[in-house]
Protein backbone atom coordinates (compact mmCIF):
# COMPACT_ATOMS: atom_id res chain seq x y z
CA UNK A 1 -11.78 -29.92 -0.87
CA UNK A 2 -9.20 -27.86 0.93
CA UNK A 3 -8.12 -29.50 4.22
CA UNK A 4 -9.04 -27.35 7.21
CA UNK A 5 -11.51 -25.21 5.25
CA UNK A 6 -14.54 -23.97 7.17
CA UNK A 7 -16.84 -20.99 7.46
CA UNK A 8 -15.46 -18.30 9.73
CA UNK A 9 -17.02 -17.53 13.08
CA UNK A 10 -16.65 -14.39 15.16
CA UNK A 11 -14.31 -16.11 17.60
CA UNK A 12 -11.80 -16.35 14.70
CA UNK A 13 -11.22 -12.62 15.12
CA UNK A 14 -7.84 -12.85 16.84
CA UNK A 15 -6.56 -15.42 14.35
CA UNK A 16 -7.74 -13.35 11.38
CA UNK A 17 -6.16 -10.19 12.82
CA UNK A 18 -2.89 -12.12 13.27
CA UNK A 19 -3.03 -13.56 9.74
CA UNK A 20 -3.77 -10.27 8.00
CA UNK A 21 -1.43 -8.32 10.28
CA UNK A 22 1.34 -10.74 9.31
CA UNK A 23 0.58 -10.27 5.63
CA UNK A 24 0.51 -6.48 5.99
CA UNK A 25 3.85 -6.54 7.86
CA UNK A 26 5.52 -7.70 4.63
CA UNK A 27 4.91 -4.24 3.13
CA UNK A 28 6.47 -1.10 4.62
CA UNK A 29 3.82 1.34 5.79
CA UNK A 30 0.97 -1.16 5.53
CA UNK A 31 -0.78 -1.31 8.92
CA UNK A 32 -4.05 -2.56 10.36
CA UNK A 33 -6.65 0.09 11.16
CA UNK A 34 -8.83 -1.87 13.58
CA UNK A 35 -10.91 1.00 14.90
CA UNK A 36 -11.43 2.14 11.30
CA UNK A 37 -11.45 0.48 7.91
CA UNK A 38 -10.39 -2.93 9.27
CA UNK A 39 -13.00 -3.05 12.07
CA UNK A 40 -14.77 -5.93 10.29
CA UNK A 41 -12.01 -8.21 11.62
CA UNK A 42 -13.33 -7.79 15.18
CA UNK A 43 -16.55 -9.69 14.32
CA UNK A 44 -15.67 -11.23 10.96
CA UNK A 45 -18.54 -13.67 10.46
CA UNK A 46 -21.13 -11.11 11.53
CA UNK A 47 -19.58 -8.42 9.33
CA UNK A 48 -19.77 -10.62 6.24
CA UNK A 49 -23.22 -12.03 7.01
CA UNK A 50 -24.58 -8.50 7.49
CA UNK A 51 -23.89 -7.84 3.82
CA UNK A 52 -25.29 -11.24 2.73
CA UNK A 53 -21.73 -12.44 2.29
CA UNK A 54 -19.64 -15.36 3.43
CA UNK A 55 -16.17 -15.66 4.90
CA UNK A 56 -14.09 -18.83 4.99
CA UNK A 57 -10.88 -19.66 6.81
CA UNK A 58 -8.37 -22.46 6.45
CA UNK A 59 -7.09 -23.80 9.75
CA UNK A 60 -4.00 -25.97 10.03
CA UNK A 61 -2.44 -27.22 13.25
CA UNK A 62 -4.75 -24.93 15.24
CA UNK A 63 -3.83 -21.75 13.35
CA UNK A 64 -5.76 -19.85 10.70
CA UNK A 65 -3.42 -19.77 7.70
CA UNK A 66 -5.73 -18.30 5.06
CA UNK A 67 -9.05 -16.60 4.50
CA UNK A 68 -11.29 -15.41 1.69
CA UNK A 69 -14.65 -13.67 1.59
CA UNK A 70 -17.41 -13.03 -0.90
CA UNK A 71 -20.15 -10.40 -0.94
CA UNK A 72 -22.83 -9.42 -3.44
CA UNK A 73 -21.78 -6.45 -5.60
CA UNK A 74 -24.94 -5.66 -7.51
CA UNK A 75 -27.08 -7.57 -9.99
CA UNK A 76 -25.14 -10.49 -11.44
CA UNK A 77 -21.92 -9.52 -9.66
CA UNK A 78 -20.04 -10.65 -6.56
CA UNK A 79 -16.98 -9.18 -4.87
CA UNK A 80 -14.10 -11.38 -3.76
CA UNK A 81 -12.74 -9.92 -0.55
CA UNK A 82 -9.94 -10.45 1.93
CA UNK A 83 -7.90 -13.18 0.27
CA UNK A 84 -4.92 -13.64 2.57
CA UNK A 85 -2.54 -16.59 2.86
CA UNK A 86 0.16 -16.76 5.55
CA UNK A 87 3.69 -16.70 4.15
CA UNK A 88 4.40 -20.23 5.43
CA UNK A 89 1.34 -21.61 3.59
CA UNK A 90 2.05 -20.02 0.20
CA UNK A 91 3.21 -21.85 -2.89
CA UNK A 92 0.88 -24.81 -2.34
CA UNK A 93 -2.08 -23.66 -4.43
CA UNK A 94 -4.10 -22.52 -1.43
CA UNK A 95 -4.76 -19.03 -2.80
CA UNK A 96 -5.98 -20.44 -6.11
CA UNK A 97 -8.17 -22.97 -4.27
CA UNK A 98 -9.78 -20.19 -2.23
CA UNK A 99 -10.41 -18.05 -5.30
CA UNK A 100 -12.07 -21.09 -6.92
CA UNK A 101 -14.21 -21.59 -3.80
CA UNK A 102 -15.35 -17.96 -3.94
CA UNK A 103 -16.05 -18.18 -7.67
CA UNK A 104 -18.10 -21.36 -7.18
CA UNK A 105 -20.10 -19.67 -4.41
CA UNK A 106 -20.62 -16.59 -6.60
CA UNK A 107 -21.81 -18.74 -9.49
CA UNK A 108 -24.15 -20.60 -7.13
CA UNK A 109 -25.60 -17.26 -6.02
CA UNK A 110 -26.29 -16.28 -9.63
CA UNK A 111 -23.30 -14.02 -10.28
CA UNK A 112 -21.86 -13.87 -13.78
CA UNK A 113 -18.90 -11.67 -12.80
CA UNK A 114 -16.55 -11.62 -9.82
CA UNK A 115 -14.77 -8.37 -9.06
CA UNK A 116 -12.18 -7.40 -6.49
CA UNK A 117 -10.01 -4.55 -5.29
CA UNK A 118 -6.39 -5.19 -4.34
CA UNK A 119 -3.80 -2.98 -2.65
CA UNK A 120 -1.42 -1.64 -5.29
CA UNK A 121 1.51 -3.00 -3.25
CA UNK A 122 0.35 -6.62 -3.43
CA UNK A 123 2.11 -7.56 -6.70
CA UNK A 124 2.18 -11.30 -5.93
CA UNK A 125 -1.60 -11.29 -5.46
CA UNK A 126 -2.03 -9.40 -8.74
CA UNK A 127 -0.04 -12.08 -10.57
CA UNK A 128 -2.24 -14.76 -8.99
CA UNK A 129 -5.44 -13.00 -10.03
CA UNK A 130 -4.19 -12.50 -13.58
CA UNK A 131 -3.08 -16.14 -13.81
CA UNK A 132 -6.61 -17.13 -12.75
CA UNK A 133 -8.20 -15.07 -15.52
CA UNK A 134 -8.86 -11.74 -13.82
CA UNK A 135 -8.29 -8.56 -15.80
CA UNK A 136 -7.03 -5.39 -14.19
CA UNK A 137 -9.20 -2.44 -15.11
CA UNK A 138 -8.26 1.23 -15.26
CA UNK A 139 -10.08 2.04 -11.99
CA UNK A 140 -8.13 3.09 -8.93
CA UNK A 141 -9.50 3.91 -5.52
CA UNK A 142 -7.79 5.61 -2.61
CA UNK A 143 -8.93 4.45 0.82
CA UNK A 144 -7.58 7.45 2.77
CA UNK A 145 -6.52 5.09 5.55
CA UNK A 146 -3.41 5.04 7.81
CA UNK A 147 -1.61 2.87 5.20
CA UNK A 148 -2.30 5.42 2.44
CA UNK A 149 -3.76 2.56 0.38
CA UNK A 150 -4.51 2.81 -3.30
CA UNK A 151 -6.27 -0.19 -4.80
CA UNK A 152 -6.48 -1.65 -8.29
CA UNK A 153 -9.72 -3.08 -9.67
CA UNK A 154 -9.89 -6.57 -11.20
CA UNK A 155 -12.78 -8.58 -12.59
CA UNK A 156 -13.53 -11.87 -14.30
CA UNK A 157 -16.52 -13.16 -16.21
CA UNK A 158 -17.52 -16.56 -14.86
CA UNK A 159 -18.10 -19.30 -17.39
């Protein structure tokens, strides 16, 4: 079990905005779009529950240092969403632990495949996903957001 792991609640909004904003700040031109595509962060637990999903956070010393979400993505599939780990908490296996948590939850919900989309700039995350058995597919999607985001598709068959 990951110390400090718990299900997110809506009052985590400010902490999640700070976490993800900090992660985005590492990449030039990557900005939060809170009135738009990133509006889910304003009521994070409600936003995930509305789609029959779940969102977890890891809290250490009173600060949210990581998060991960999971939503259904069609019959037998689940989508891993919003995996973010604060820079100071990286390199300790936390990202891998959260991916495992999401995969276990997906498996428990009957999914045989976990898929995800990841910003093309997030090369460290791509290496993590590939190390954990995810395969990058040929699909790309443009979000047409203020960050001019293009995302890569990854998926993994659960065993």
